[in-house]
C-alpha atoms as a PDB file:
ATOM      1  CA  UNK A   1      -9.343  84.074  13.838  1.00  0.00           C
ATOM      2  CA  UNK A   2      -6.241  82.757  15.542  1.00  0.00           C
ATOM      3  CA  UNK A   3      -5.297  79.164  14.725  1.00  0.00           C
ATOM      4  CA  UNK A   4      -4.190  76.518  17.169  1.00  0.00           C
ATOM      5  CA  UNK A   5      -0.492  75.630  16.938  1.00  0.00           C
ATOM      6  CA  UNK A   6       0.421  72.016  16.278  1.00  0.00           C
ATOM      7  CA  UNK A   7       0.700  69.713  19.277  1.00  0.00           C
ATOM      8  CA  UNK A   8       4.363  69.167  20.170  1.00  0.00           C
ATOM      9  CA  UNK A   9       5.835  65.941  18.878  1.00  0.00           C
ATOM     10  CA  UNK A  10       6.677  63.387  21.547  1.00  0.00           C
ATOM     11  CA  UNK A  11      10.396  62.527  21.552  1.00  0.00           C
ATOM     12  CA  UNK A  12      11.460  59.055  20.539  1.00  0.00           C
ATOM     13  CA  UNK A  13      12.965  56.802  23.213  1.00  0.00           C
ATOM     14  CA  UNK A  14      16.356  57.078  21.521  1.00  0.00           C
ATOM     15  CA  UNK A  15      16.206  60.901  21.691  1.00  0.00           C
ATOM     16  CA  UNK A  16      16.935  60.731  25.434  1.00  0.00           C
ATOM     17  CA  UNK A  17      20.348  59.612  26.652  1.00  0.00           C
ATOM     18  CA  UNK A  18      18.855  58.264  29.890  1.00  0.00           C
ATOM     19  CA  UNK A  19      21.784  59.575  31.898  1.00  0.00           C
ATOM     20  CA  UNK A  20      19.784  62.068  33.915  1.00  0.00           C
ATOM     21  CA  UNK A  21      22.438  64.773  33.664  1.00  0.00           C
ATOM     22  CA  UNK A  22      21.032  66.833  30.778  1.00  0.00           C
ATOM     23  CA  UNK A  23      19.582  70.140  31.872  1.00  0.00           C
ATOM     24  CA  UNK A  24      17.016  70.468  30.582  1.00  0.00           C
ATOM     25  CA  UNK A  25      16.227  66.915  29.589  1.00  0.00           C
ATOM     26  CA  UNK A  26      14.439  66.514  26.261  1.00  0.00           C
ATOM     27  CA  UNK A  27      11.470  65.156  28.239  1.00  0.00           C
ATOM     28  CA  UNK A  28      11.374  68.313  30.395  1.00  0.00           C
ATOM     29  CA  UNK A  29      11.275  70.414  27.228  1.00  0.00           C
ATOM     30  CA  UNK A  30       8.542  68.231  25.727  1.00  0.00           C
ATOM     31  CA  UNK A  31       6.320  68.309  28.827  1.00  0.00           C
ATOM     32  CA  UNK A  32       6.773  72.082  29.140  1.00  0.00           C
ATOM     33  CA  UNK A  33       5.741  72.572  25.502  1.00  0.00           C
ATOM     34  CA  UNK A  34       2.854  70.130  25.952  1.00  0.00           C
ATOM     35  CA  UNK A  35       1.542  72.023  28.991  1.00  0.00           C
ATOM     36  CA  UNK A  36       1.689  75.313  27.055  1.00  0.00           C
ATOM     37  CA  UNK A  37      -0.041  73.697  24.073  1.00  0.00           C
ATOM     38  CA  UNK A  38      -2.810  72.280  26.283  1.00  0.00           C
ATOM     39  CA  UNK A  39      -3.406  75.735  27.775  1.00  0.00           C
ATOM     40  CA  UNK A  40      -3.477  77.288  24.283  1.00  0.00           C
ATOM     41  CA  UNK A  41      -5.903  74.564  23.145  1.00  0.00           C
ATOM     42  CA  UNK A  42      -8.169  75.181  26.135  1.00  0.00           C
ATOM     43  CA  UNK A  43      -8.231  78.919  25.382  1.00  0.00           C
ATOM     44  CA  UNK A  44      -8.754  78.235  21.667  1.00  0.00           C
ATOM     45  CA  UNK A  45     -11.668  75.878  22.393  1.00  0.00           C
ATOM     46  CA  UNK A  46     -13.248  78.352  24.819  1.00  0.00           C
ATOM     47  CA  UNK A  47     -12.950  81.175  22.300  1.00  0.00           C
ATOM     48  CA  UNK A  48     -14.405  79.109  19.473  1.00  0.00           C
ATOM     49  CA  UNK A  49     -17.258  77.799  21.626  1.00  0.00           C
ATOM     50  CA  UNK A  50     -18.175  81.311  22.727  1.00  0.00           C
ATOM     51  CA  UNK A  51     -18.100  82.597  19.136  1.00  0.00           C
ATOM     52  CA  UNK A  52     -20.274  79.855  17.658  1.00  0.00           C
ATOM     53  CA  UNK A  53     -23.880  80.868  17.096  1.00  0.00           C
ATOM     54  CA  UNK A  54     -26.547  79.482  19.383  1.00  0.00           C
ATOM     55  CA  UNK A  55     -28.257  76.736  17.409  1.00  0.00           C
ATOM     56  CA  UNK A  56     -30.567  75.598  20.190  1.00  0.00           C
ATOM     57  CA  UNK A  57     -34.269  75.838  19.479  1.00  0.00           C
ATOM     58  CA  UNK A  58     -36.203  78.271  21.582  1.00  0.00           C
ATOM     59  CA  UNK A  59     -39.591  77.266  22.916  1.00  0.00           C
END
């Protein structure tokens, strides 16, 4: 089974220069990694939910 990668660490306020001229900005990199992680987490959750046995009682 594939494991979920760790959620990206949010940069500290002091990690950004605030000048607006960095390309890419550390916040752009963070939000890009976060979006990819969220997609991987969604896929991971879907896969694990579909693989779990049905524990519901049948009538």
